[in-house]
Amino acid sequence: SGGGLVQPGGSLRLSCAASRTIFRFNTMGWHRQPPGRQRELV
């Protein structure tokens, strides 16, 4: 959650709620998929 439309130079804060099975002990990541491109880890 937390996405939206923002002007260049602006800010946003994204959140992700994960089940404990996923979250515990794991290295977590944010990935993104731009239009027409492959998903990438950021």
PDB file of all heavy atoms in Angstrom:
ATOM      1  N   SER A   1       0.836  -1.191   0.000  1.00  0.00           N
ATOM      2  CA  SER A   1       0.000   0.000   0.000  1.00  0.00           C
ATOM      3  C   SER A   1       0.876   1.249   0.000  1.00  0.00           C
ATOM      4  O   SER A   1       2.085   1.164   0.227  1.00  0.00           O
ATOM      5  CB  SER A   1      -0.923   0.021   1.217  1.00  0.00           C
ATOM      6  OG  SER A   1      -0.162   0.050   2.408  1.00  0.00           O
ATOM      7  N   GLY A   2       0.247   2.398  -0.279  1.00  0.00           N
ATOM      8  CA  GLY A   2       0.947   3.672  -0.184  1.00  0.00           C
ATOM      9  C   GLY A   2       1.302   4.330  -1.495  1.00  0.00           C
ATOM     10  O   GLY A   2       1.839   5.434  -1.498  1.00  0.00           O
ATOM     11  N   GLY A   3       1.037   3.671  -2.609  1.00  0.00           N
ATOM     12  CA  GLY A   3       1.364   4.261  -3.895  1.00  0.00           C
ATOM     13  C   GLY A   3       0.436   5.414  -4.246  1.00  0.00           C
ATOM     14  O   GLY A   3      -0.516   5.719  -3.526  1.00  0.00           O
ATOM     15  N   GLY A   4       0.728   6.050  -5.377  1.00  0.00           N
ATOM     16  CA  GLY A   4      -0.099   7.158  -5.830  1.00  0.00           C
ATOM     17  C   GLY A   4       0.566   7.945  -6.917  1.00  0.00           C
ATOM     18  O   GLY A   4       1.601   7.534  -7.464  1.00  0.00           O
ATOM     19  N   LEU A   5      -0.021   9.085  -7.230  1.00  0.00           N
ATOM     20  CA  LEU A   5       0.505  10.006  -8.243  1.00  0.00           C
ATOM     21  C   LEU A   5       1.259  11.119  -7.524  1.00  0.00           C
ATOM     22  O   LEU A   5       0.707  11.748  -6.605  1.00  0.00           O
ATOM     23  CB  LEU A   5      -0.638  10.580  -9.068  1.00  0.00           C
ATOM     24  CG  LEU A   5      -0.287  11.690 -10.054  1.00  0.00           C
ATOM     25  CD1 LEU A   5       0.665  11.175 -11.132  1.00  0.00           C
ATOM     26  CD2 LEU A   5      -1.566  12.253 -10.683  1.00  0.00           C
ATOM     27  N   VAL A   6       2.472  11.364  -7.950  1.00  0.00           N
ATOM     28  CA  VAL A   6       3.286  12.393  -7.312  1.00  0.00           C
ATOM     29  C   VAL A   6       4.081  13.136  -8.389  1.00  0.00           C
ATOM     30  O   VAL A   6       4.415  12.552  -9.427  1.00  0.00           O
ATOM     31  CB  VAL A   6       4.213  11.766  -6.249  1.00  0.00           C
ATOM     32  CG1 VAL A   6       5.191  10.793  -6.882  1.00  0.00           C
ATOM     33  CG2 VAL A   6       4.935  12.811  -5.431  1.00  0.00           C
ATOM     34  N   GLN A   7       4.370  14.393  -8.141  1.00  0.00           N
ATOM     35  CA  GLN A   7       5.153  15.179  -9.087  1.00  0.00           C
ATOM     36  C   GLN A   7       6.639  14.846  -8.958  1.00  0.00           C
ATOM     37  O   GLN A   7       7.086  14.400  -7.894  1.00  0.00           O
ATOM     38  CB  GLN A   7       4.940  16.666  -8.829  1.00  0.00           C
ATOM     39  CG  GLN A   7       3.536  17.157  -9.160  1.00  0.00           C
ATOM     40  CD  GLN A   7       3.412  18.659  -9.057  1.00  0.00           C
ATOM     41  OE1 GLN A   7       4.231  19.320  -8.416  1.00  0.00           O
ATOM     42  NE2 GLN A   7       2.386  19.198  -9.682  1.00  0.00           N
ATOM     43  N   PRO A   8       7.400  15.057 -10.016  1.00  0.00           N
ATOM     44  CA  PRO A   8       8.851  14.860  -9.918  1.00  0.00           C
ATOM     45  C   PRO A   8       9.425  15.673  -8.759  1.00  0.00           C
ATOM     46  O   PRO A   8       9.037  16.819  -8.540  1.00  0.00           O
ATOM     47  CB  PRO A   8       9.364  15.362 -11.268  1.00  0.00           C
ATOM     48  CG  PRO A   8       8.221  15.135 -12.204  1.00  0.00           C
ATOM     49  CD  PRO A   8       6.989  15.407 -11.384  1.00  0.00           C
ATOM     50  N   GLY A   9      10.321  15.035  -8.012  1.00  0.00           N
ATOM     51  CA  GLY A   9      10.896  15.663  -6.832  1.00  0.00           C
ATOM     52  C   GLY A   9      10.131  15.385  -5.554  1.00  0.00           C
ATOM     53  O   GLY A   9      10.607  15.701  -4.464  1.00  0.00           O
ATOM     54  N   GLY A  10       8.958  14.784  -5.681  1.00  0.00           N
ATOM     55  CA  GLY A  10       8.131  14.491  -4.519  1.00  0.00           C
ATOM     56  C   GLY A  10       8.543  13.235  -3.789  1.00  0.00           C
ATOM     57  O   GLY A  10       9.541  12.586  -4.130  1.00  0.00           O
ATOM     58  N   SER A  11       7.742  12.886  -2.779  1.00  0.00           N
ATOM     59  CA  SER A  11       8.054  11.746  -1.918  1.00  0.00           C
ATOM     60  C   SER A  11       6.813  10.876  -1.715  1.00  0.00           C
ATOM     61  O   SER A  11       5.679  11.371  -1.777  1.00  0.00           O
ATOM     62  CB  SER A  11       8.536  12.234  -0.550  1.00  0.00           C
ATOM     63  OG  SER A  11       9.713  13.001  -0.660  1.00  0.00           O
ATOM     64  N   LEU A  12       7.066   9.614  -1.460  1.00  0.00           N
ATOM     65  CA  LEU A  12       6.013   8.669  -1.084  1.00  0.00           C
ATOM     66  C   LEU A  12       6.604   7.671  -0.102  1.00  0.00           C
ATOM     67  O   LEU A  12       7.823   7.417  -0.118  1.00  0.00           O
ATOM     68  CB  LEU A  12       5.483   7.900  -2.296  1.00  0.00           C
ATOM     69  CG  LEU A  12       4.488   8.579  -3.222  1.00  0.00           C
ATOM     70  CD1 LEU A  12       4.216   7.693  -4.434  1.00  0.00           C
ATOM     71  CD2 LEU A  12       3.199   8.924  -2.508  1.00  0.00           C
ATOM     72  N   ARG A  13       5.736   7.095   0.719  1.00  0.00           N
ATOM     73  CA  ARG A  13       6.157   6.028   1.629  1.00  0.00           C
ATOM     74  C   ARG A  13       5.271   4.809   1.396  1.00  0.00           C
ATOM     75  O   ARG A  13       4.060   4.875   1.585  1.00  0.00           O
ATOM     76  CB  ARG A  13       6.042   6.476   3.086  1.00  0.00           C
ATOM     77  CG  ARG A  13       6.659   5.490   4.059  1.00  0.00           C
ATOM     78  CD  ARG A  13       6.333   5.856   5.482  1.00  0.00           C
ATOM     79  NE  ARG A  13       7.190   5.168   6.442  1.00  0.00           N
ATOM     80  CZ  ARG A  13       6.801   4.816   7.662  1.00  0.00           C
ATOM     81  NH1 ARG A  13       5.579   5.105   8.077  1.00  0.00           N
ATOM     82  NH2 ARG A  13       7.641   4.203   8.473  1.00  0.00           N
ATOM     83  N   LEU A  14       5.899   3.733   0.972  1.00  0.00           N
ATOM     84  CA  LEU A  14       5.179   2.485   0.736  1.00  0.00           C
ATOM     85  C   LEU A  14       5.273   1.581   1.959  1.00  0.00           C
ATOM     86  O   LEU A  14       6.273   1.599   2.680  1.00  0.00           O
ATOM     87  CB  LEU A  14       5.764   1.755  -0.473  1.00  0.00           C
ATOM     88  CG  LEU A  14       5.875   2.540  -1.778  1.00  0.00           C
ATOM     89  CD1 LEU A  14       6.397   1.624  -2.883  1.00  0.00           C
ATOM     90  CD2 LEU A  14       4.560   3.167  -2.165  1.00  0.00           C
ATOM     91  N   SER A  15       4.228   0.788   2.155  1.00  0.00           N
ATOM     92  CA  SER A  15       4.208  -0.188   3.249  1.00  0.00           C
ATOM     93  C   SER A  15       3.851  -1.560   2.691  1.00  0.00           C
ATOM     94  O   SER A  15       3.131  -1.658   1.695  1.00  0.00           O
ATOM     95  CB  SER A  15       3.173   0.200   4.313  1.00  0.00           C
ATOM     96  OG  SER A  15       3.451   1.454   4.866  1.00  0.00           O
ATOM     97  N   CYS A  16       4.330  -2.586   3.343  1.00  0.00           N
ATOM     98  CA  CYS A  16       3.991  -3.959   2.969  1.00  0.00           C
ATOM     99  C   CYS A  16       3.805  -4.778   4.223  1.00  0.00           C
ATOM    100  O   CYS A  16       4.740  -4.908   5.024  1.00  0.00           O
ATOM    101  CB  CYS A  16       5.082  -4.559   2.097  1.00  0.00           C
ATOM    102  SG  CYS A  16       4.868  -6.329   1.807  1.00  0.00           S
ATOM    103  N   ALA A  17       2.612  -5.316   4.369  1.00  0.00           N
ATOM    104  CA  ALA A  17       2.324  -6.235   5.472  1.00  0.00           C
ATOM    105  C   ALA A  17       2.530  -7.658   4.966  1.00  0.00           C
ATOM    106  O   ALA A  17       1.954  -8.047   3.950  1.00  0.00           O
ATOM    107  CB  ALA A  17       0.901  -6.048   5.955  1.00  0.00           C
ATOM    108  N   ALA A  18       3.370  -8.399   5.673  1.00  0.00           N
ATOM    109  CA  ALA A  18       3.690  -9.761   5.254  1.00  0.00           C
ATOM    110  C   ALA A  18       3.264 -10.751   6.324  1.00  0.00           C
ATOM    111  O   ALA A  18       3.312 -10.442   7.517  1.00  0.00           O
ATOM    112  CB  ALA A  18       5.184  -9.900   4.996  1.00  0.00           C
ATOM    113  N   SER A  19       2.847 -11.921   5.898  1.00  0.00           N
ATOM    114  CA  SER A  19       2.562 -12.960   6.875  1.00  0.00           C
ATOM    115  C   SER A  19       3.861 -13.398   7.539  1.00  0.00           C
ATOM    116  O   SER A  19       4.946 -13.289   6.950  1.00  0.00           O
ATOM    117  CB  SER A  19       1.867 -14.142   6.211  1.00  0.00           C
ATOM    118  OG  SER A  19       2.659 -14.661   5.175  1.00  0.00           O
ATOM    119  N   ARG A  20       3.749 -13.881   8.755  1.00  0.00           N
ATOM    120  CA  ARG A  20       4.934 -14.185   9.544  1.00  0.00           C
ATOM    121  C   ARG A  20       5.776 -15.270   8.869  1.00  0.00           C
ATOM    122  O   ARG A  20       7.006 -15.263   8.984  1.00  0.00           O
ATOM    123  CB  ARG A  20       4.516 -14.608  10.945  1.00  0.00           C
ATOM    124  CG  ARG A  20       5.644 -14.622  11.954  1.00  0.00           C
ATOM    125  CD  ARG A  20       5.134 -14.658  13.358  1.00  0.00           C
ATOM    126  NE  ARG A  20       6.210 -14.588  14.332  1.00  0.00           N
ATOM    127  CZ  ARG A  20       6.733 -15.648  14.920  1.00  0.00           C
ATOM    128  NH1 ARG A  20       6.290 -16.861  14.638  1.00  0.00           N
ATOM    129  NH2 ARG A  20       7.702 -15.503  15.804  1.00  0.00           N
ATOM    130  N   THR A  21       5.112 -16.163   8.170  1.00  0.00           N
ATOM    131  CA  THR A  21       5.830 -17.234   7.474  1.00  0.00           C
ATOM    132  C   THR A  21       6.861 -16.643   6.504  1.00  0.00           C
ATOM    133  O   THR A  21       7.956 -17.161   6.347  1.00  0.00           O
ATOM    134  CB  THR A  21       4.844 -18.115   6.694  1.00  0.00           C
ATOM    135  OG1 THR A  21       3.908 -18.672   7.599  1.00  0.00           O
ATOM    136  CG2 THR A  21       5.562 -19.227   5.950  1.00  0.00           C
ATOM    137  N   ILE A  22       6.461 -15.574   5.829  1.00  0.00           N
ATOM    138  CA  ILE A  22       7.347 -14.937   4.862  1.00  0.00           C
ATOM    139  C   ILE A  22       8.380 -14.066   5.566  1.00  0.00           C
ATOM    140  O   ILE A  22       9.565 -14.067   5.237  1.00  0.00           O
ATOM    141  CB  ILE A  22       6.538 -14.070   3.875  1.00  0.00           C
ATOM    142  CG1 ILE A  22       5.553 -14.920   3.088  1.00  0.00           C
ATOM    143  CG2 ILE A  22       7.472 -13.302   2.953  1.00  0.00           C
ATOM    144  CD1 ILE A  22       4.627 -14.117   2.200  1.00  0.00           C
ATOM    145  N   PHE A  23       7.937 -13.314   6.532  1.00  0.00           N
ATOM    146  CA  PHE A  23       8.758 -12.240   7.095  1.00  0.00           C
ATOM    147  C   PHE A  23       9.885 -12.761   7.967  1.00  0.00           C
ATOM    148  O   PHE A  23      11.020 -12.273   7.891  1.00  0.00           O
ATOM    149  CB  PHE A  23       7.847 -11.320   7.900  1.00  0.00           C
ATOM    150  CG  PHE A  23       8.444  -9.981   8.194  1.00  0.00           C
ATOM    151  CD1 PHE A  23       8.331  -8.946   7.290  1.00  0.00           C
ATOM    152  CD2 PHE A  23       9.112  -9.733   9.379  1.00  0.00           C
ATOM    153  CE1 PHE A  23       8.867  -7.698   7.551  1.00  0.00           C
ATOM    154  CE2 PHE A  23       9.651  -8.502   9.655  1.00  0.00           C
ATOM    155  CZ  PHE A  23       9.522  -7.478   8.742  1.00  0.00           C
ATOM    156  N   ARG A  24       9.574 -13.755   8.774  1.00  0.00           N
ATOM    157  CA  ARG A  24      10.513 -14.189   9.798  1.00  0.00           C
ATOM    158  C   ARG A  24      11.791 -14.730   9.175  1.00  0.00           C
ATOM    159  O   ARG A  24      11.749 -15.565   8.285  1.00  0.00           O
ATOM    160  CB  ARG A  24       9.850 -15.270  10.647  1.00  0.00           C
ATOM    161  CG  ARG A  24      10.592 -15.569  11.917  1.00  0.00           C
ATOM    162  CD  ARG A  24       9.852 -16.630  12.705  1.00  0.00           C
ATOM    163  NE  ARG A  24      10.523 -16.902  13.970  1.00  0.00           N
ATOM    164  CZ  ARG A  24      10.200 -17.889  14.786  1.00  0.00           C
ATOM    165  NH1 ARG A  24       9.198 -18.694  14.469  1.00  0.00           N
ATOM    166  NH2 ARG A  24      10.848 -18.077  15.910  1.00  0.00           N
ATOM    167  N   PHE A  25      12.907 -14.243   9.594  1.00  0.00           N
ATOM    168  CA  PHE A  25      14.243 -14.698   9.221  1.00  0.00           C
ATOM    169  C   PHE A  25      14.645 -14.377   7.788  1.00  0.00           C
ATOM    170  O   PHE A  25      15.754 -14.663   7.391  1.00  0.00           O
ATOM    171  CB  PHE A  25      14.411 -16.208   9.431  1.00  0.00           C
ATOM    172  CG  PHE A  25      14.106 -16.676  10.817  1.00  0.00           C
ATOM    173  CD1 PHE A  25      13.275 -17.759  11.031  1.00  0.00           C
ATOM    174  CD2 PHE A  25      14.647 -16.025  11.912  1.00  0.00           C
ATOM    175  CE1 PHE A  25      12.999 -18.195  12.323  1.00  0.00           C
ATOM    176  CE2 PHE A  25      14.373 -16.456  13.208  1.00  0.00           C
ATOM    177  CZ  PHE A  25      13.543 -17.546  13.403  1.00  0.00           C
ATOM    178  N   ASN A  26      13.715 -13.825   7.007  1.00  0.00           N
ATOM    179  CA  ASN A  26      14.041 -13.623   5.597  1.00  0.00           C
ATOM    180  C   ASN A  26      14.572 -12.232   5.305  1.00  0.00           C
ATOM    181  O   ASN A  26      14.133 -11.247   5.910  1.00  0.00           O
ATOM    182  CB  ASN A  26      12.806 -13.858   4.720  1.00  0.00           C
ATOM    183  CG  ASN A  26      12.616 -15.319   4.399  1.00  0.00           C
ATOM    184  OD1 ASN A  26      13.526 -15.979   3.908  1.00  0.00           O
ATOM    185  ND2 ASN A  26      11.434 -15.828   4.660  1.00  0.00           N
ATOM    186  N   THR A  27      15.473 -12.167   4.332  1.00  0.00           N
ATOM    187  CA  THR A  27      15.827 -10.884   3.759  1.00  0.00           C
ATOM    188  C   THR A  27      14.677 -10.458   2.860  1.00  0.00           C
ATOM    189  O   THR A  27      14.319 -11.173   1.924  1.00  0.00           O
ATOM    190  CB  THR A  27      17.123 -10.981   2.951  1.00  0.00           C
ATOM    191  OG1 THR A  27      18.197 -11.288   3.844  1.00  0.00           O
ATOM    192  CG2 THR A  27      17.422  -9.676   2.241  1.00  0.00           C
ATOM    193  N   MET A  28      14.089  -9.317   3.177  1.00  0.00           N
ATOM    194  CA  MET A  28      12.937  -8.815   2.432  1.00  0.00           C
ATOM    195  C   MET A  28      13.381  -7.768   1.410  1.00  0.00           C
ATOM    196  O   MET A  28      14.391  -7.081   1.600  1.00  0.00           O
ATOM    197  CB  MET A  28      11.914  -8.215   3.383  1.00  0.00           C
ATOM    198  CG  MET A  28      11.324  -9.216   4.369  1.00  0.00           C
ATOM    199  SD  MET A  28      10.439 -10.562   3.570  1.00  0.00           S
ATOM    200  CE  MET A  28       9.076  -9.678   2.786  1.00  0.00           C
ATOM    201  N   GLY A  29      12.587  -7.639   0.363  1.00  0.00           N
ATOM    202  CA  GLY A  29      12.955  -6.693  -0.674  1.00  0.00           C
ATOM    203  C   GLY A  29      11.757  -5.981  -1.272  1.00  0.00           C
ATOM    204  O   GLY A  29      10.627  -6.473  -1.203  1.00  0.00           O
ATOM    205  N   TRP A  30      12.038  -4.830  -1.833  1.00  0.00           N
ATOM    206  CA  TRP A  30      11.070  -4.119  -2.670  1.00  0.00           C
ATOM    207  C   TRP A  30      11.515  -4.307  -4.123  1.00  0.00           C
ATOM    208  O   TRP A  30      12.669  -4.034  -4.469  1.00  0.00           O
ATOM    209  CB  TRP A  30      11.000  -2.646  -2.325  1.00  0.00           C
ATOM    210  CG  TRP A  30      10.171  -2.359  -1.114  1.00  0.00           C
ATOM    211  CD1 TRP A  30      10.614  -2.145   0.153  1.00  0.00           C
ATOM    212  CD2 TRP A  30       8.740  -2.255  -1.067  1.00  0.00           C
ATOM    213  NE1 TRP A  30       9.553  -1.912   0.995  1.00  0.00           N
ATOM    214  CE2 TRP A  30       8.390  -1.976   0.274  1.00  0.00           C
ATOM    215  CE3 TRP A  30       7.720  -2.371  -2.012  1.00  0.00           C
ATOM    216  CZ2 TRP A  30       7.070  -1.809   0.691  1.00  0.00           C
ATOM    217  CZ3 TRP A  30       6.411  -2.205  -1.598  1.00  0.00           C
ATOM    218  CH2 TRP A  30       6.086  -1.929  -0.259  1.00  0.00           C
ATOM    219  N   HIS A  31      10.573  -4.738  -4.946  1.00  0.00           N
ATOM    220  CA  HIS A  31      10.790  -4.940  -6.357  1.00  0.00           C
ATOM    221  C   HIS A  31       9.854  -3.993  -7.102  1.00  0.00           C
ATOM    222  O   HIS A  31       8.825  -3.591  -6.557  1.00  0.00           O
ATOM    223  CB  HIS A  31      10.460  -6.375  -6.756  1.00  0.00           C
ATOM    224  CG  HIS A  31      11.138  -7.432  -5.938  1.00  0.00           C
ATOM    225  ND1 HIS A  31      12.132  -8.226  -6.441  1.00  0.00           N
ATOM    226  CD2 HIS A  31      10.974  -7.819  -4.639  1.00  0.00           C
ATOM    227  CE1 HIS A  31      12.546  -9.069  -5.509  1.00  0.00           C
ATOM    228  NE2 HIS A  31      11.859  -8.831  -4.397  1.00  0.00           N
ATOM    229  N   ARG A  32      10.187  -3.662  -8.338  1.00  0.00           N
ATOM    230  CA  ARG A  32       9.274  -2.839  -9.120  1.00  0.00           C
ATOM    231  C   ARG A  32       9.261  -3.302 -10.571  1.00  0.00           C
ATOM    232  O   ARG A  32      10.239  -3.877 -11.062  1.00  0.00           O
ATOM    233  CB  ARG A  32       9.658  -1.359  -9.049  1.00  0.00           C
ATOM    234  CG  ARG A  32      10.950  -0.980  -9.763  1.00  0.00           C
ATOM    235  CD  ARG A  32      11.260   0.489  -9.551  1.00  0.00           C
ATOM    236  NE  ARG A  32      12.495   0.875 -10.240  1.00  0.00           N
ATOM    237  CZ  ARG A  32      13.079   2.066 -10.099  1.00  0.00           C
ATOM    238  NH1 ARG A  32      12.536   2.994  -9.303  1.00  0.00           N
ATOM    239  NH2 ARG A  32      14.194   2.339 -10.756  1.00  0.00           N
ATOM    240  N   GLN A  33       8.131  -3.049 -11.224  1.00  0.00           N
ATOM    241  CA  GLN A  33       8.001  -3.391 -12.635  1.00  0.00           C
ATOM    242  C   GLN A  33       7.518  -2.167 -13.389  1.00  0.00           C
ATOM    243  O   GLN A  33       6.323  -1.810 -13.323  1.00  0.00           O
ATOM    244  CB  GLN A  33       7.029  -4.555 -12.834  1.00  0.00           C
ATOM    245  CG  GLN A  33       6.971  -5.026 -14.269  1.00  0.00           C
ATOM    246  CD  GLN A  33       6.309  -6.375 -14.420  1.00  0.00           C
ATOM    247  OE1 GLN A  33       5.571  -6.824 -13.537  1.00  0.00           O
ATOM    248  NE2 GLN A  33       6.584  -7.048 -15.520  1.00  0.00           N
ATOM    249  N   PRO A  34       8.432  -1.479 -14.097  1.00  0.00           N
ATOM    250  CA  PRO A  34       8.026  -0.334 -14.906  1.00  0.00           C
ATOM    251  C   PRO A  34       7.187  -0.800 -16.091  1.00  0.00           C
ATOM    252  O   PRO A  34       7.265  -1.966 -16.499  1.00  0.00           O
ATOM    253  CB  PRO A  34       9.361   0.259 -15.368  1.00  0.00           C
ATOM    254  CG  PRO A  34      10.397  -0.330 -14.457  1.00  0.00           C
ATOM    255  CD  PRO A  34       9.883  -1.675 -14.098  1.00  0.00           C
ATOM    256  N   PRO A  35       6.433   0.083 -16.704  1.00  0.00           N
ATOM    257  CA  PRO A  35       5.598  -0.294 -17.854  1.00  0.00           C
ATOM    258  C   PRO A  35       6.441  -0.902 -18.967  1.00  0.00           C
ATOM    259  O   PRO A  35       7.444  -0.326 -19.390  1.00  0.00           O
ATOM    260  CB  PRO A  35       4.981   1.042 -18.289  1.00  0.00           C
ATOM    261  CG  PRO A  35       5.066   1.917 -17.094  1.00  0.00           C
ATOM    262  CD  PRO A  35       6.262   1.489 -16.334  1.00  0.00           C
ATOM    263  N   GLY A  36       6.042  -2.090 -19.432  1.00  0.00           N
ATOM    264  CA  GLY A  36       6.713  -2.727 -20.540  1.00  0.00           C
ATOM    265  C   GLY A  36       8.080  -3.312 -20.245  1.00  0.00           C
ATOM    266  O   GLY A  36       8.800  -3.710 -21.172  1.00  0.00           O
ATOM    267  N   ARG A  37       8.438  -3.372 -18.974  1.00  0.00           N
ATOM    268  CA  ARG A  37       9.766  -3.872 -18.610  1.00  0.00           C
ATOM    269  C   ARG A  37       9.659  -4.984 -17.583  1.00  0.00           C
ATOM    270  O   ARG A  37       8.605  -5.228 -17.011  1.00  0.00           O
ATOM    271  CB  ARG A  37      10.624  -2.725 -18.085  1.00  0.00           C
ATOM    272  CG  ARG A  37      10.926  -1.668 -19.128  1.00  0.00           C
ATOM    273  CD  ARG A  37      11.612  -0.461 -18.535  1.00  0.00           C
ATOM    274  NE  ARG A  37      12.858  -0.799 -17.845  1.00  0.00           N
ATOM    275  CZ  ARG A  37      13.586   0.070 -17.174  1.00  0.00           C
ATOM    276  NH1 ARG A  37      13.187   1.329 -17.093  1.00  0.00           N
ATOM    277  NH2 ARG A  37      14.696  -0.300 -16.588  1.00  0.00           N
ATOM    278  N   GLN A  38      10.774  -5.660 -17.351  1.00  0.00           N
ATOM    279  CA  GLN A  38      10.802  -6.744 -16.386  1.00  0.00           C
ATOM    280  C   GLN A  38      10.852  -6.213 -14.958  1.00  0.00           C
ATOM    281  O   GLN A  38      11.316  -5.096 -14.702  1.00  0.00           O
ATOM    282  CB  GLN A  38      12.021  -7.641 -16.642  1.00  0.00           C
ATOM    283  CG  GLN A  38      11.925  -8.477 -17.903  1.00  0.00           C
ATOM    284  CD  GLN A  38      13.055  -9.486 -18.021  1.00  0.00           C
ATOM    285  OE1 GLN A  38      14.157  -9.252 -17.546  1.00  0.00           O
ATOM    286  NE2 GLN A  38      12.775 -10.604 -18.660  1.00  0.00           N
ATOM    287  N   ARG A  39      10.406  -7.019 -14.045  1.00  0.00           N
ATOM    288  CA  ARG A  39      10.463  -6.675 -12.627  1.00  0.00           C
ATOM    289  C   ARG A  39      11.922  -6.670 -12.172  1.00  0.00           C
ATOM    290  O   ARG A  39      12.721  -7.515 -12.606  1.00  0.00           O
ATOM    291  CB  ARG A  39       9.647  -7.678 -11.825  1.00  0.00           C
ATOM    292  CG  ARG A  39       9.362  -7.281 -10.416  1.00  0.00           C
ATOM    293  CD  ARG A  39       8.057  -7.868  -9.852  1.00  0.00           C
ATOM    294  NE  ARG A  39       7.578  -9.068 -10.495  1.00  0.00           N
ATOM    295  CZ  ARG A  39       6.304  -9.445 -10.462  1.00  0.00           C
ATOM    296  NH1 ARG A  39       5.404  -8.694  -9.837  1.00  0.00           N
ATOM    297  NH2 ARG A  39       5.934 -10.561 -11.046  1.00  0.00           N
ATOM    298  N   GLU A  40      12.258  -5.727 -11.309  1.00  0.00           N
ATOM    299  CA  GLU A  40      13.626  -5.601 -10.819  1.00  0.00           C
ATOM    300  C   GLU A  40      13.611  -5.349  -9.311  1.00  0.00           C
ATOM    301  O   GLU A  40      12.701  -4.734  -8.784  1.00  0.00           O
ATOM    302  CB  GLU A  40      14.347  -4.448 -11.523  1.00  0.00           C
ATOM    303  CG  GLU A  40      13.688  -3.085 -11.311  1.00  0.00           C
ATOM    304  CD  GLU A  40      14.401  -1.949 -12.011  1.00  0.00           C
ATOM    305  OE1 GLU A  40      15.472  -2.161 -12.592  1.00  0.00           O
ATOM    306  OE2 GLU A  40      13.870  -0.813 -11.961  1.00  0.00           O
ATOM    307  N   LEU A  41      14.669  -5.817  -8.648  1.00  0.00           N
ATOM    308  CA  LEU A  41      14.842  -5.565  -7.217  1.00  0.00           C
ATOM    309  C   LEU A  41      15.463  -4.188  -7.030  1.00  0.00           C
ATOM    310  O   LEU A  41      16.478  -3.878  -7.660  1.00  0.00           O
ATOM    311  CB  LEU A  41      15.752  -6.626  -6.615  1.00  0.00           C
ATOM    312  CG  LEU A  41      16.094  -6.488  -5.137  1.00  0.00           C
ATOM    313  CD1 LEU A  41      14.872  -6.737  -4.260  1.00  0.00           C
ATOM    314  CD2 LEU A  41      17.226  -7.443  -4.757  1.00  0.00           C
ATOM    315  N   VAL A  42      14.860  -3.354  -6.178  1.00  0.00           N
ATOM    316  CA  VAL A  42      15.415  -2.015  -5.957  1.00  0.00           C
ATOM    317  C   VAL A  42      16.015  -1.840  -4.569  1.00  0.00           C
ATOM    318  O   VAL A  42      16.880  -0.979  -4.386  1.00  0.00           O
ATOM    319  CB  VAL A  42      14.379  -0.903  -6.220  1.00  0.00           C
ATOM    320  CG1 VAL A  42      13.955  -0.899  -7.667  1.00  0.00           C
ATOM    321  CG2 VAL A  42      13.165  -1.035  -5.310  1.00  0.00           C
TER     322      VAL A  42
END
